[in-house]
Amino acid sequence: MSMDAGTADIIKGIEGFEQLDDTCIAAIASTSSLISVPDGTVFYTADDSSWDVYFVISGIVGVSTSNPGLRDPLRMNDTELLVLRSGAFFGEISFLDGARRHLTVIARERTLVLRIDGPLLKAVCEEDAVTGRAVYALLGKSAARTARDVSMELRNLMVARS
């Protein structure tokens, strides 16, 4: 992937990456691309085997889960757990643990994201310890926040259904 100055500027502006030098920013940017998607675009579904990470620049995405007992290709029975807006990461859990996706993420309006190629980012992190520490620290914090938010929403759903 080719890096442009706009991508590097976006990465520099992400809290947690601001301390990285231009070489580290360029390495991360080389794994990244800007993608604009319309409402209804599916970024990934539960059980997909992909490890890309996304950063929301503008727009809204919904994070949902489905009842494993239902076969619902139109996702009419999915339960939305989180709504993510500008400044949020998603996809970081599969990047960190290498497991299949466990949730589905869909754009709820026209959305601009920074897509970071997971395998390329892992290679960058392995090549440079400073970049690796920053990436894993930032995505680890984001994954913990996501886990807490999903846990809270599941608790709220259980209370509402009882």
Foldseek 3Di string as FASTA:
>chain_A
DQADPVLLVVQCPQPLNVPPDPVLSRLQRRQKDKDKDFFFDWPDAFQAQFQKKKAWQAAKKWKWAADPVDDDVVCPRIDTQDIDGHNAMPSLVCLVPVGTHHIIMGTRGTTMMMIGHSVSQVVSCVVDVVSVVSVCVVSVVRVVVVVVSSVVSVVVVVVVVD
